[in-house]
Structures are given as structure tokens and as C-alpha cells.
Protein backbone atom coordinates (compact mmCIF):
# COMPACT_ATOMS: atom_id res chain seq x y z
CA UNK A 1 -12.07 -20.54 3.11
CA UNK A 2 -9.92 -19.67 0.08
CA UNK A 3 -11.89 -21.95 -2.28
CA UNK A 4 -15.03 -19.92 -1.54
CA UNK A 5 -13.16 -16.74 -2.44
CA UNK A 6 -12.00 -18.35 -5.70
CA UNK A 7 -15.59 -19.35 -6.55
CA UNK A 8 -16.79 -15.82 -5.75
CA UNK A 9 -14.19 -14.17 -8.03
CA UNK A 10 -14.97 -16.65 -10.82
CA UNK A 11 -18.70 -15.95 -10.53
CA UNK A 12 -18.24 -12.18 -10.55
CA UNK A 13 -16.06 -12.18 -13.66
CA UNK A 14 -17.51 -15.08 -15.65
CA UNK A 15 -20.33 -14.36 -18.06
CA UNK A 16 -22.56 -16.88 -19.76
CA UNK A 17 -24.12 -15.24 -22.83
CA UNK A 18 -27.02 -17.17 -24.44
CA UNK A 19 -26.62 -18.05 -28.12
CA UNK A 20 -29.57 -15.90 -29.16
CA UNK A 21 -28.46 -12.91 -27.10
CA UNK A 22 -30.47 -11.48 -24.23
CA UNK A 23 -29.56 -11.04 -20.59
CA UNK A 24 -26.49 -12.69 -19.13
CA UNK A 25 -27.03 -15.92 -17.21
CA UNK A 26 -25.04 -15.89 -13.98
CA UNK A 27 -23.20 -18.94 -12.72
CA UNK A 28 -24.33 -20.54 -9.48
CA UNK A 29 -21.81 -21.49 -6.77
CA UNK A 30 -22.06 -25.14 -7.78
CA UNK A 31 -21.70 -24.30 -11.48
CA UNK A 32 -18.64 -22.14 -10.85
CA UNK A 33 -17.04 -24.86 -8.68
CA UNK A 34 -17.68 -27.49 -11.38
CA UNK A 35 -16.11 -25.32 -14.10
CA UNK A 36 -13.04 -24.57 -11.99
CA UNK A 37 -12.66 -28.27 -11.12
CA UNK A 38 -13.03 -29.30 -14.78
CA UNK A 39 -10.53 -26.74 -16.11
CA UNK A 40 -7.90 -26.68 -13.33
CA UNK A 41 -8.52 -29.72 -11.14
CA UNK A 42 -9.10 -29.67 -7.36
CA UNK A 43 -6.07 -27.44 -6.70
CA UNK A 44 -7.64 -24.82 -8.94
CA UNK A 45 -9.82 -23.85 -5.98
CA UNK A 46 -6.64 -22.75 -4.19
CA UNK A 47 -5.37 -20.60 -7.07
CA UNK A 48 -3.90 -17.31 -5.82
CA UNK A 49 -3.44 -18.48 -2.22
CA UNK A 50 0.22 -17.39 -2.12
CA UNK A 51 -0.58 -13.98 -3.58
CA UNK A 52 -3.42 -13.58 -1.08
CA UNK A 53 -1.19 -14.36 1.91
CA UNK A 54 1.55 -12.04 0.64
CA UNK A 55 -0.87 -9.12 0.86
CA UNK A 56 -3.25 -10.07 3.66
CA UNK A 57 -0.72 -11.01 6.36
CA UNK A 58 1.24 -7.71 6.47
CA UNK A 59 -1.90 -5.69 5.72
CA UNK A 60 -3.74 -7.30 8.64
CA UNK A 61 -0.87 -6.53 11.00
CA UNK A 62 -0.74 -2.88 9.87
CA UNK A 63 -4.53 -2.49 10.07
CA UNK A 64 -4.90 -3.86 13.59
CA UNK A 65 -1.84 -2.00 14.90
CA UNK A 66 -3.13 1.30 13.48
CA UNK A 67 -6.67 0.71 14.76
CA UNK A 68 -5.58 -0.17 18.30
CA UNK A 69 -3.20 2.82 18.50
CA UNK A 70 -5.89 5.26 17.35
CA UNK A 71 -8.51 3.67 19.59
CA UNK A 72 -6.29 3.75 22.69
CA UNK A 73 -4.59 7.13 22.29
CA UNK A 74 -7.24 9.18 20.47
CA UNK A 75 -10.71 7.70 20.88
CA UNK A 76 -10.53 6.56 24.51
CA UNK A 77 -8.41 9.44 25.82
CA UNK A 78 -9.57 12.48 23.85
CA UNK A 79 -13.18 11.89 22.81
CA UNK A 80 -16.26 12.07 25.06
CA UNK A 81 -18.19 8.85 25.63
CA UNK A 82 -20.99 9.92 23.28
CA UNK A 83 -18.55 10.30 20.36
CA UNK A 84 -16.45 7.18 20.91
CA UNK A 85 -18.60 5.02 18.62
CA UNK A 86 -17.94 7.37 15.70
CA UNK A 87 -14.30 7.58 16.73
CA UNK A 88 -13.96 3.81 16.43
CA UNK A 89 -15.54 3.88 12.97
CA UNK A 90 -13.17 6.66 11.85
CA UNK A 91 -10.18 4.78 13.29
CA UNK A 92 -11.17 1.72 11.25
CA UNK A 93 -11.27 3.79 8.05
CA UNK A 94 -7.81 5.27 8.69
CA UNK A 95 -6.50 1.80 9.57
CA UNK A 96 -7.52 0.47 6.16
CA UNK A 97 -5.98 3.42 4.33
CA UNK A 98 -2.72 2.70 6.18
CA UNK A 99 -2.64 -0.92 4.98
CA UNK A 100 -4.04 -0.42 1.46
CA UNK A 101 -0.64 0.18 -0.19
CA UNK A 102 0.40 -3.31 0.89
CA UNK A 103 -2.96 -5.01 0.34
CA UNK A 104 -3.94 -3.93 -3.19
CA UNK A 105 -0.99 -5.40 -5.19
CA UNK A 106 -1.58 -8.82 -3.66
CA UNK A 107 -5.32 -8.46 -4.32
CA UNK A 108 -4.73 -7.62 -8.00
CA UNK A 109 -2.45 -10.63 -8.58
CA UNK A 110 -4.75 -12.96 -6.60
CA UNK A 111 -7.89 -11.86 -8.47
CA UNK A 112 -6.32 -12.33 -11.89
CA UNK A 113 -5.02 -15.76 -10.96
CA UNK A 114 -8.42 -16.80 -9.64
CA UNK A 115 -10.10 -15.51 -12.80
CA UNK A 116 -7.79 -17.74 -14.86
CA UNK A 117 -5.97 -14.92 -16.67
CA UNK A 118 -2.48 -16.18 -15.75
CA UNK A 119 -1.12 -19.67 -14.95
CA UNK A 120 1.18 -18.79 -12.03
CA UNK A 121 2.07 -16.10 -9.49
CA UNK A 122 5.41 -15.38 -11.20
CA UNK A 123 3.83 -15.16 -14.66
CA UNK A 124 1.09 -12.84 -13.40
CA UNK A 125 3.54 -10.52 -11.67
CA UNK A 126 5.89 -10.31 -14.68
CA UNK A 127 3.08 -9.78 -17.20
CA UNK A 128 1.42 -7.05 -15.13
CA UNK A 129 4.72 -5.20 -14.68
CA UNK A 130 5.60 -5.63 -18.37
CA UNK A 131 2.25 -4.39 -19.68
CA UNK A 132 1.31 -1.68 -17.18
CA UNK A 133 4.36 -1.05 -15.01
CA UNK A 134 4.14 -0.65 -11.26
CA UNK A 135 0.79 1.14 -11.60
CA UNK A 136 -0.67 -2.11 -12.93
CA UNK A 137 -0.37 -3.59 -9.46
CA UNK A 138 -2.72 -0.86 -8.25
CA UNK A 139 -5.43 -1.42 -10.87
CA UNK A 140 -8.77 -0.87 -9.18
CA UNK A 141 -7.11 0.84 -6.20
CA UNK A 142 -9.86 3.40 -5.72
CA UNK A 143 -12.50 0.72 -6.24
CA UNK A 144 -10.81 -1.27 -3.47
CA UNK A 145 -10.74 1.80 -1.23
CA UNK A 146 -14.41 2.46 -2.05
CA UNK A 147 -15.23 -1.11 -1.05
CA UNK A 148 -12.95 -1.64 1.94
CA UNK A 149 -13.16 1.71 3.72
CA UNK A 150 -16.93 1.33 4.30
CA UNK A 151 -16.39 -2.41 4.83
CA UNK A 152 -13.76 -1.84 7.53
CA UNK A 153 -15.77 0.95 9.17
CA UNK A 154 -18.90 -1.20 9.27
CA UNK A 155 -17.03 -4.37 10.27
CA UNK A 156 -15.16 -2.84 13.22
CA UNK A 157 -18.13 -0.68 14.22
CA UNK A 158 -20.56 -3.61 14.22
CA UNK A 159 -18.08 -5.80 16.08
CA UNK A 160 -17.70 -3.24 18.87
CA UNK A 161 -21.48 -2.79 19.09
CA UNK A 162 -22.16 -6.54 19.03
CA UNK A 163 -19.60 -7.00 21.80
CA UNK A 164 -21.28 -4.34 23.95
CA UNK A 165 -24.69 -5.91 23.32
CA UNK A 166 -23.33 -9.32 24.28
CA UNK A 167 -21.72 -7.93 27.44
CA UNK A 168 -25.04 -6.37 28.41
CA UNK A 169 -26.88 -9.62 27.68
CA UNK A 170 -24.58 -11.88 29.73
CA UNK A 171 -23.94 -9.22 32.41
CA UNK A 172 -20.17 -9.58 32.13
CA UNK A 173 -17.46 -7.11 31.09
CA UNK A 174 -15.15 -9.91 29.93
CA UNK A 175 -16.52 -12.13 27.16
CA UNK A 176 -15.46 -15.72 26.61
CA UNK A 177 -13.36 -16.38 23.50
CA UNK A 178 -16.23 -18.32 21.89
CA UNK A 179 -18.51 -15.29 22.33
CA UNK A 180 -15.91 -12.97 20.77
CA UNK A 181 -15.51 -15.35 17.82
CA UNK A 182 -19.29 -15.47 17.36
CA UNK A 183 -19.59 -11.67 17.42
CA UNK A 184 -16.73 -11.39 14.92
CA UNK A 185 -18.35 -13.87 12.53
CA UNK A 186 -21.71 -12.11 12.79
CA UNK A 187 -20.13 -8.72 12.06
CA UNK A 188 -18.26 -10.15 9.06
CA UNK A 189 -21.34 -11.83 7.59
CA UNK A 190 -23.56 -8.74 7.79
CA UNK A 191 -20.82 -6.47 6.45
CA UNK A 192 -19.90 -8.88 3.66
CA UNK A 193 -23.44 -9.01 2.28
CA UNK A 194 -23.98 -5.25 2.49
CA UNK A 195 -20.75 -4.50 0.59
CA UNK A 196 -21.14 -7.17 -2.14
CA UNK A 197 -22.06 -4.59 -4.86
CA UNK A 198 -18.81 -2.73 -4.16
CA UNK A 199 -16.92 -6.03 -4.30
CA UNK A 200 -18.41 -6.88 -7.72
CA UNK A 201 -17.27 -3.53 -9.15
CA UNK A 202 -13.79 -3.94 -7.66
CA UNK A 203 -13.40 -7.45 -9.09
CA UNK A 204 -14.40 -6.38 -12.59
CA UNK A 205 -11.97 -3.46 -12.60
CA UNK A 206 -9.13 -5.70 -11.38
CA UNK A 207 -9.71 -8.64 -13.72
CA UNK A 208 -10.79 -7.00 -16.96
CA UNK A 209 -8.60 -5.14 -19.43
CA UNK A 210 -8.31 -1.38 -19.15
CA UNK A 211 -9.90 -0.95 -22.57
CA UNK A 212 -13.07 -2.74 -21.46
CA UNK A 213 -14.03 -0.24 -18.76
CA UNK A 214 -13.24 3.44 -18.49
CA UNK A 215 -13.81 3.86 -14.79
CA UNK A 216 -15.98 3.08 -11.81
CA UNK A 217 -19.22 4.49 -13.19
CA UNK A 218 -18.71 2.65 -16.48
CA UNK A 219 -18.74 -0.67 -14.57
CA UNK A 220 -21.88 0.35 -12.66
CA UNK A 221 -23.65 1.24 -15.91
CA UNK A 222 -22.57 -1.99 -17.64
CA UNK A 223 -23.67 -4.26 -14.77
CA UNK A 224 -27.04 -2.50 -14.53
CA UNK A 225 -27.71 -2.71 -18.28
CA UNK A 226 -26.73 -6.38 -18.59
CA UNK A 227 -27.76 -7.91 -15.25
CA UNK A 228 -29.88 -5.34 -13.39
CA UNK A 229 -29.89 -5.32 -9.59
CA UNK A 230 -29.09 -9.01 -9.23
CA UNK A 231 -25.76 -8.49 -10.99
CA UNK A 232 -24.52 -6.36 -8.10
CA UNK A 233 -24.99 -9.30 -5.71
CA UNK A 234 -23.25 -11.92 -7.82
CA UNK A 235 -21.22 -14.16 -5.52
CA UNK A 236 -22.84 -12.64 -2.43
CA UNK A 237 -23.58 -15.98 -0.75
CA UNK A 238 -20.05 -17.26 -1.39
CA UNK A 239 -18.69 -13.99 0.02
CA UNK A 240 -20.74 -14.33 3.22
CA UNK A 241 -19.85 -18.01 3.69
CA UNK A 242 -16.17 -17.08 3.30
CA UNK A 243 -16.23 -14.00 5.54
CA UNK A 244 -18.14 -15.45 8.52
CA UNK A 245 -15.39 -17.95 9.54
CA UNK A 246 -12.64 -15.60 8.35
CA UNK A 247 -13.72 -12.68 10.53
CA UNK A 248 -14.50 -15.00 13.46
CA UNK A 249 -10.87 -16.17 13.42
CA UNK A 250 -9.68 -12.63 12.61
CA UNK A 251 -11.29 -10.96 15.62
CA UNK A 252 -11.04 -13.94 17.96
CA UNK A 253 -7.30 -14.29 17.42
CA UNK A 254 -6.88 -10.53 17.73
CA UNK A 255 -8.54 -10.51 21.16
CA UNK A 256 -6.42 -13.42 22.42
CA UNK A 257 -3.16 -11.84 21.22
CA UNK A 258 -4.20 -8.41 22.56
CA UNK A 259 -4.87 -9.81 26.03
CA UNK A 260 -1.54 -11.65 26.01
CA UNK A 261 0.39 -8.54 25.00
CA UNK A 262 -1.43 -6.43 27.59
CA UNK A 263 -0.54 -8.90 30.35
CA UNK A 264 3.10 -8.93 29.21
CA UNK A 265 3.16 -5.13 29.10
CA UNK A 266 1.69 -4.89 32.59
CA UNK A 267 4.17 -7.41 33.92
CA UNK A 268 7.11 -5.64 32.28
CA UNK A 269 5.96 -2.29 33.69
CA UNK A 270 5.72 -3.84 37.15
CA UNK A 271 9.25 -5.23 36.90
CA UNK A 272 10.70 -1.93 35.79
CA UNK A 273 9.11 0.08 38.59
CA UNK A 274 9.42 -2.44 41.44
CA UNK A 275 11.81 -5.24 40.42
CA UNK A 276 10.95 -7.64 43.25
CA UNK A 277 11.47 -11.38 42.79
CA UNK A 278 10.80 -14.58 44.70
CA UNK A 279 13.59 -17.02 45.44
CA UNK A 280 12.85 -20.34 47.11
CA UNK A 281 15.23 -22.54 49.09
CA UNK A 282 14.52 -25.18 51.69
CA UNK A 283 11.33 -24.51 53.62
CA UNK A 284 11.52 -20.72 53.36
CA UNK A 285 11.26 -18.04 50.72
CA UNK A 286 12.98 -14.73 50.21
CA UNK A 287 11.40 -11.61 48.72
CA UNK A 288 14.49 -9.98 47.22
CA UNK A 289 15.50 -7.01 45.08
CA UNK A 290 18.53 -7.06 42.79
CA UNK A 291 20.93 -4.16 43.39
CA UNK A 292 21.81 -4.11 39.68
CA UNK A 293 18.45 -2.43 39.07
CA UNK A 294 17.85 -4.47 35.89
CA UNK A 295 14.41 -6.12 35.55
CA UNK A 296 14.75 -9.87 34.88
CA UNK A 297 13.81 -13.22 36.30
CA UNK A 298 16.35 -14.46 38.87
CA UNK A 299 17.73 -17.86 39.51
CA UNK A 300 18.92 -17.60 43.11
CA UNK A 301 21.81 -19.25 44.92
CA UNK A 302 21.62 -19.40 48.74
CA UNK A 303 24.83 -18.34 50.47
CA UNK A 304 24.18 -17.65 54.13
CA UNK A 305 20.98 -17.35 56.08
CA UNK A 306 20.45 -13.75 54.94
CA UNK A 307 22.70 -13.59 51.90
CA UNK A 308 21.61 -14.29 48.30
CA UNK A 309 23.34 -13.87 44.95
CA UNK A 310 21.99 -13.03 41.45
CA UNK A 311 23.82 -15.35 39.04
CA UNK A 312 23.11 -13.27 35.96
CA UNK A 313 24.52 -9.95 37.18
CA UNK A 314 26.68 -11.12 40.11
CA UNK A 315 24.78 -8.54 42.15
CA UNK A 316 23.75 -8.95 45.74
CA UNK A 317 20.12 -9.36 46.72
CA UNK A 318 18.58 -7.96 49.83
CA UNK A 319 15.26 -8.48 51.50
CA UNK A 320 13.64 -10.36 54.33
CA UNK A 321 12.88 -14.00 54.85
CA UNK A 322 9.28 -15.07 55.28
CA UNK A 323 7.87 -18.46 56.18
CA UNK A 324 5.71 -20.27 53.66
CA UNK A 325 2.18 -20.88 54.94
């Protein structure tokens, strides 16, 4: 998926100006891939992968944790059913703002590497800090917020709505993993295309020198004058082809991990409040409770017919024997 992102960044920044002047000719996906291959070799398509992971991994964890907390404790508990859809959208926006401080520096370094401005991650980081200081790592921050807040709101909102529509269609409350992955990919593809103009503006602000543009509106004016409406959708197809599998994995993995953690939490809660365990010996079983009061799995040692011992805490177990059916 990363090569498609590299092609998209290269298309959005690169400009082919005809010798006699006139409108700018935009690179196609194939043309961008050929240029990258010719200049950097096959590994050039993976330029900026390390910088991307350094920002996306912690940012994704922060975003999902924030979204789930807000959804569980605010939206589902404090909002009426009619307002929960808007609550989910607002939770998604706040979730992105929470992760943006981690995401944007990695995005800046990755974009400049993909655009071919620096040869390595270390060189890019040192040059940015030397020329612009720590604020250089947040170049295009507000453009990123302007792109990703509506992107995250639309992405999470569409995913929740697509899931509900799928549940209604199949007449099941619990979707299969393949269905969740499909709904995630669909939400990512629609959202990716709709937010491509915002992505173009963000890329130009991150990859071009500060003297070239004087702000968000300056980029909008420049793109319109040089490339008209089509310029705002440069790299749109590459963006969709990258985001469909990315968001499918993103949401699908999230649902699997969420279900696992919920089952572990329910099991832990059950152990704390009840603390009953099964111990098997011979042809009978004992339902026993450890007098230490600590929730844990027991490995049991039979002593007498009614006596059992917890090896971990040296605490006695009590209960009743029952025959196995």
C-alpha cells in the first residue's frame, strides 16, 4: 500500500510545465511510477516508510483509544438514541485532534522524503530542525487538521452507518469479520475520494518551501489558476486504491482486537467478583474457591477426598464434588 501513497505524493507535488508555457500537464499514476523507478530504483516506491510508521502506529493507537472511550462513556451513556450518530462523528473529530501532535511530524518527514527533497530519514529530520526548528516538523499542521478532521468524522461515521445497514441487510447483530473488513474498505474509499482536494493542499504546504506559498488560501488560488478543478483531484485514484485496503485492515483489525479485549475484561471481572475454578482429578471434578481471595487460574493438587490445595498461594480450597456427565 505504501508505494501507492508514494505515487500519490509524487503526483501531487510534481509539475510538468510545457516548453511554450500554458497549463500544467499532470502526471498519470503510471508516469509517476516510471519516474520514481528511473530516479530511485524499485525501493524508491518505499521511500518514507519508516517515517510513516513512526507517526501512524502511535497515532492510530491514540485515535482508536480516544474514540472508543468517548463512544462508550459519552455517546452511548449520555446521549439519546437520535443524537448518537452525531456523537460518534464528534468523537471521531476529537480522536484525531488527540493524535495529531504525534501524527503530523511523521507526515511532514514522510512527504518530503517521498517528494525526493531529502535522501534519508536522518538527513530530512536534521535539515528540517536546522532550517525551521521544531516548528518545521509541524509545517502544514492546520492543513492536516483541515483534511483529517473531516476525513476522520466521515470515515468513522460512514463505517458505523455501513455496519448498521449491513446488520439490517443480513438480519444479524454480529457481523462476520469479512463483512466488517468490507464495510471498512468501502468507508475508506468513499472518504478518500471526497477529501482528495484537502489532501492536495496539505501535500503542497508540506513539501514546498515556505516562500512559495503564504498560507492555505494561497495554495487554493494557485491550484485553481494553474490546473483548475482537476488539479484538486490529482492523485485521487491512487489515494482511493491505497485507502480501501488500508481502512479494511484498519477497521477489521480494530474489531477483532476490541472483541478480544472485551472478552478478557468480562472474564477478569467474573474472576474478581466470583473467583470459582474447576479442578479435575480422576473421574470427578471439584468446583472450588480459593480462600486467598486472589483471582487466578489454579493448578490443583488432590489431598483427600474433600481436601484440595492451591499451589500458588498455599491456600485451601473448598467446595463440593460433582460427577462428570
